Amino acid sequence: MSYGRERNKKNNKARKLDLQATLAALMGMSYTHFPLILPGVHPLVAPLIMFRLKRRGFSNCRVEVSGSGLVVFADR
């Protein structure tokens, strides 16, 4: 197996998305301090997280996709 394929396999395992982590981010997210790191959360959840932050009165919200999940930034 070539070096490139082996490295891609390792990267794919590191980026594995977890359904439980995604559901926990949606249902039980704590809004006390930022940046909030959400490992294993699927990137398609980012708009829902933004919606919930805006509804709770946060401003300057953004969600960035990292190699292992999401990073959430917001101000009160």
Protein backbone atom coordinates (compact mmCIF):
# COMPACT_ATOMS: atom_id res chain seq x y z
CA MET A 1 0.00 0.00 0.00
CA SER A 2 1.36 3.42 -0.88
CA TYR A 3 2.19 6.03 1.71
CA GLY A 4 -0.54 8.40 0.46
CA ARG A 5 -3.32 5.85 0.80
CA GLU A 6 -2.18 4.86 4.27
CA ARG A 7 -2.14 8.50 5.38
CA ASN A 8 -5.64 9.08 3.96
CA LYS A 9 -6.97 6.09 5.90
CA LYS A 10 -5.56 7.51 9.14
CA ASN A 11 -7.06 10.95 8.41
CA ASN A 12 -10.47 9.45 7.67
CA LYS A 13 -10.46 7.57 10.97
CA ALA A 14 -9.53 10.76 12.83
CA ARG A 15 -12.40 12.65 11.19
CA LYS A 16 -15.01 10.04 12.01
CA LEU A 17 -18.28 11.74 12.85
CA ASP A 18 -20.23 10.49 15.81
CA LEU A 19 -24.04 10.47 15.87
CA GLN A 20 -24.11 10.59 19.67
CA ALA A 21 -21.83 13.64 19.72
CA THR A 22 -24.05 15.35 17.14
CA LEU A 23 -27.23 14.70 19.14
CA ALA A 24 -25.57 15.83 22.36
CA ALA A 25 -24.51 19.08 20.67
CA LEU A 26 -28.08 19.72 19.56
CA MET A 27 -29.92 18.70 22.72
CA GLY A 28 -27.63 19.41 25.65
CA MET A 29 -25.28 22.16 24.55
CA SER A 30 -24.03 24.44 27.34
CA TYR A 31 -23.83 28.12 26.42
CA THR A 32 -21.61 29.32 29.25
CA HIS A 33 -18.17 29.91 27.72
CA PHE A 34 -16.70 30.20 24.25
CA PRO A 35 -14.96 29.01 22.10
CA LEU A 36 -16.90 25.80 22.43
CA ILE A 37 -15.23 22.75 20.89
CA LEU A 38 -17.58 20.00 19.70
CA PRO A 39 -15.53 16.99 18.56
CA GLY A 40 -17.18 14.46 16.28
CA VAL A 41 -20.14 16.70 15.38
CA HIS A 42 -21.33 16.66 11.77
CA PRO A 43 -20.84 19.97 9.86
CA LEU A 44 -24.48 20.01 8.72
CA VAL A 45 -25.51 20.78 12.31
CA ALA A 46 -23.77 24.19 12.20
CA PRO A 47 -26.84 26.15 10.98
CA LEU A 48 -28.97 24.65 13.76
CA ILE A 49 -26.39 25.63 16.37
CA MET A 50 -26.30 29.17 14.94
CA PHE A 51 -30.11 29.36 15.09
CA ARG A 52 -30.17 28.31 18.75
CA LEU A 53 -27.45 30.79 19.67
CA LYS A 54 -29.30 33.66 17.99
CA ARG A 55 -32.56 32.67 19.73
CA ARG A 56 -30.78 32.81 23.09
CA GLY A 57 -29.50 36.34 22.50
CA PHE A 58 -25.93 35.78 21.36
CA SER A 59 -24.34 37.96 18.70
CA ASN A 60 -21.23 37.74 16.53
CA CYS A 61 -21.84 33.98 16.20
CA ARG A 62 -19.83 31.74 13.94
CA VAL A 63 -19.17 28.04 13.63
CA GLU A 64 -15.97 26.76 12.06
CA VAL A 65 -15.39 23.24 10.82
CA SER A 66 -12.15 21.78 12.15
CA GLY A 67 -10.55 18.46 11.34
CA SER A 68 -12.29 16.68 14.20
CA GLY A 69 -15.62 18.50 14.56
CA LEU A 70 -16.93 22.03 15.10
CA VAL A 71 -15.67 25.09 16.97
CA VAL A 72 -18.36 27.57 18.05
CA PHE A 73 -17.70 31.26 18.76
CA ALA A 74 -20.25 33.76 20.13
CA ASP A 75 -20.56 36.94 22.21
CA ARG A 76 -23.27 37.99 24.61
